[in-house]
Protein backbone atom coordinates (compact mmCIF):
# COMPACT_ATOMS: atom_id res chain seq x y z
CA MET A 1 96.19 81.43 111.15
CA TYR A 2 97.02 83.31 114.51
CA MET A 3 100.09 84.50 115.46
CA ASN A 4 101.33 85.48 119.01
CA GLU A 5 103.14 88.71 119.74
CA ASN A 6 106.68 88.11 119.24
CA GLU A 7 106.01 86.47 116.06
CA TYR A 8 104.32 89.55 114.92
CA GLN A 9 107.32 91.26 116.36
CA LYS A 10 110.13 89.45 114.24
CA LYS A 11 107.77 89.48 110.74
CA ALA A 12 107.37 93.61 111.47
CA LYS A 13 110.02 95.96 110.24
CA THR A 14 111.79 98.45 112.18
CA LEU A 15 112.10 101.97 110.83
CA ASP A 16 115.48 101.21 110.71
CA GLU A 17 115.43 98.58 108.27
CA VAL A 18 113.57 100.38 105.79
CA ASN A 19 115.13 101.30 102.84
CA PHE A 20 115.02 105.06 102.10
CA GLU A 21 117.25 106.29 100.19
CA ILE A 22 116.97 110.15 98.54
CA LEU A 23 118.75 110.14 95.06
CA TRP A 24 118.48 113.53 94.32
CA GLU A 25 116.21 116.29 96.44
CA GLY A 26 115.69 120.48 95.50
CA LYS A 27 113.11 123.46 95.46
CA PRO A 28 111.58 125.64 92.74
CA ALA A 29 114.48 127.89 91.63
CA GLY A 30 112.75 130.11 89.74
CA LEU A 31 112.84 134.29 90.30
CA TRP A 32 109.96 134.33 92.84
CA GLN A 33 111.22 131.01 94.76
CA ARG A 34 114.45 132.25 95.15
CA PHE A 35 112.92 135.39 96.90
CA LEU A 36 110.91 132.91 99.09
CA THR A 37 113.76 130.70 99.79
CA LEU A 38 116.34 133.50 101.12
CA LEU A 39 113.05 134.56 103.57
CA LYS A 40 112.80 130.53 104.23
CA LEU A 41 109.37 130.25 103.12
CA ASN A 42 109.26 128.26 100.31
CA PHE A 43 107.70 125.47 101.54
CA THR A 44 107.79 122.87 98.07
CA THR A 45 110.56 120.07 97.79
CA TYR A 46 110.62 117.75 95.12
CA GLN A 47 112.37 114.63 96.22
CA ILE A 48 113.63 111.48 94.22
CA SER A 49 114.05 108.23 96.40
CA ASN A 50 114.80 104.78 95.20
CA ASP A 51 111.40 103.45 94.66
CA GLU A 52 109.46 107.22 94.65
CA LEU A 53 108.90 110.64 93.77
CA ILE A 54 107.71 113.03 96.38
CA ILE A 55 106.42 116.01 96.05
CA LYS A 56 105.74 118.30 99.51
CA THR A 57 104.05 121.48 99.38
CA GLY A 58 102.25 123.94 101.85
CA PHE A 59 102.98 125.71 105.21
CA PHE A 60 99.85 125.25 106.83
CA ASN A 61 97.93 122.77 104.74
CA GLN A 62 101.09 120.27 104.36
CA LYS A 63 100.52 118.11 101.10
CA THR A 64 102.83 115.36 100.10
CA ASN A 65 101.86 113.59 96.69
CA THR A 66 104.40 110.60 96.49
CA THR A 67 104.21 108.21 93.62
CA GLU A 68 105.80 105.06 92.63
CA LEU A 69 108.90 105.31 89.90
CA TYR A 70 107.02 102.33 88.27
CA LEU A 71 104.00 103.80 86.93
CA LEU A 72 106.62 107.06 85.46
CA LYS A 73 107.41 107.40 82.02
CA ASP A 74 109.19 109.46 79.88
CA PRO A 75 110.60 112.13 81.60
CA ASP A 76 110.75 115.45 79.21
CA ILE A 77 112.55 118.53 79.96
CA SER A 78 110.97 121.94 78.81
CA VAL A 79 112.79 125.21 79.37
CA SER A 80 111.41 128.85 77.97
CA LEU A 81 113.61 132.21 77.05
CA TRP A 82 113.39 133.21 81.01
CA GLN A 83 114.06 129.70 82.42
CA ARG A 84 116.85 129.48 80.26
CA LEU A 85 117.96 133.05 81.55
CA LEU A 86 117.58 131.71 85.58
CA LYS A 87 119.49 128.52 84.30
CA ILE A 88 116.35 126.62 85.08
CA GLY A 89 113.90 124.31 83.43
CA THR A 90 110.96 122.40 84.21
CA VAL A 91 110.88 118.36 84.03
CA SER A 92 107.62 116.61 83.55
CA VAL A 93 106.63 112.89 84.04
CA LEU A 94 103.89 110.83 82.61
CA VAL A 95 102.05 108.74 85.00
CA ASP A 96 101.29 105.44 83.44
CA THR A 97 97.83 105.48 82.58
CA HIS A 98 97.28 101.17 82.76
CA SER A 99 97.18 101.48 86.07
CA THR A 100 93.90 101.80 88.38
CA ASN A 101 95.45 104.83 89.87
CA ASN A 102 93.54 108.21 90.21
CA ARG A 103 96.72 110.29 88.50
CA ALA A 104 96.60 108.29 85.46
CA GLY A 105 96.86 109.79 82.80
CA GLN A 106 98.25 112.80 83.72
CA LYS A 107 101.80 114.89 83.97
CA LEU A 108 103.53 115.59 87.06
CA PHE A 109 105.88 118.65 86.68
CA LEU A 110 108.86 119.53 89.24
CA ARG A 111 108.72 123.02 87.95
CA ASN A 112 111.91 125.39 87.67
CA ILE A 113 114.49 123.59 89.16
CA ARG A 114 118.20 123.46 88.62
CA ASP A 115 120.65 121.27 87.02
CA CYS A 116 117.15 119.84 84.86
CA GLU A 117 119.12 117.97 82.67
CA LYS A 118 120.66 116.10 85.52
CA VAL A 119 117.90 115.38 87.37
CA ARG A 120 116.26 114.20 84.28
CA LYS A 121 118.96 111.62 84.02
CA ILE A 122 118.33 110.49 87.51
CA LEU A 123 115.10 110.07 87.16
CA ARG A 124 115.12 107.94 84.03
CA ASP A 125 118.07 105.84 85.79
CA ALA A 126 115.77 105.30 89.01
CA ILE A 127 113.02 104.77 87.12
CA GLU A 128 114.51 101.88 85.18
CA ASP A 129 116.14 100.58 88.14
CA ASP A 130 112.60 100.48 89.76
CA VAL A 131 111.27 98.74 87.04
CA MET A 132 113.76 96.19 86.51
CA GLU A 133 113.90 95.36 90.06
CA ARG A 134 110.07 94.36 90.43
CA LYS A 135 110.59 92.60 86.84
CA ILE A 136 107.87 94.64 85.14
CA THR A 137 107.79 94.65 81.41
CA TYR A 138 105.74 97.07 79.32
CA PHE A 139 103.03 96.16 76.23
CA ASP A 140 102.56 99.00 73.58
CA LYS A 141 99.18 98.77 72.18
CA VAL A 142 99.07 97.79 68.37
């Protein structure tokens, strides 16, 4: 079935119609990262949107790692003694092993972030909302 140009343009979304809501955005805030941020040299950014976890790194070789939220499970927090002194923590989340994604079975880390408890809650709620929106059910192996 062939569509002419007008039909194709009607079906194509414009950039204004794309829903890209950022729920949270942050940078690593460890001692070294704070120094780099003061110098405007901290190039790592973490974002949680309504359907993706986005990790941006690099200056010369910029890399954006995006993972769909429905593939993520079990956000956890770990806080070392040094992180407690700086009031930061690390949020880790497991990439679902049942997917065909090349990152399956791995953990993604949001390292040295402020308010890690709040970020974990935002991430957990965003994952749950995305799973409910897509009507995905998980069956645990026995």
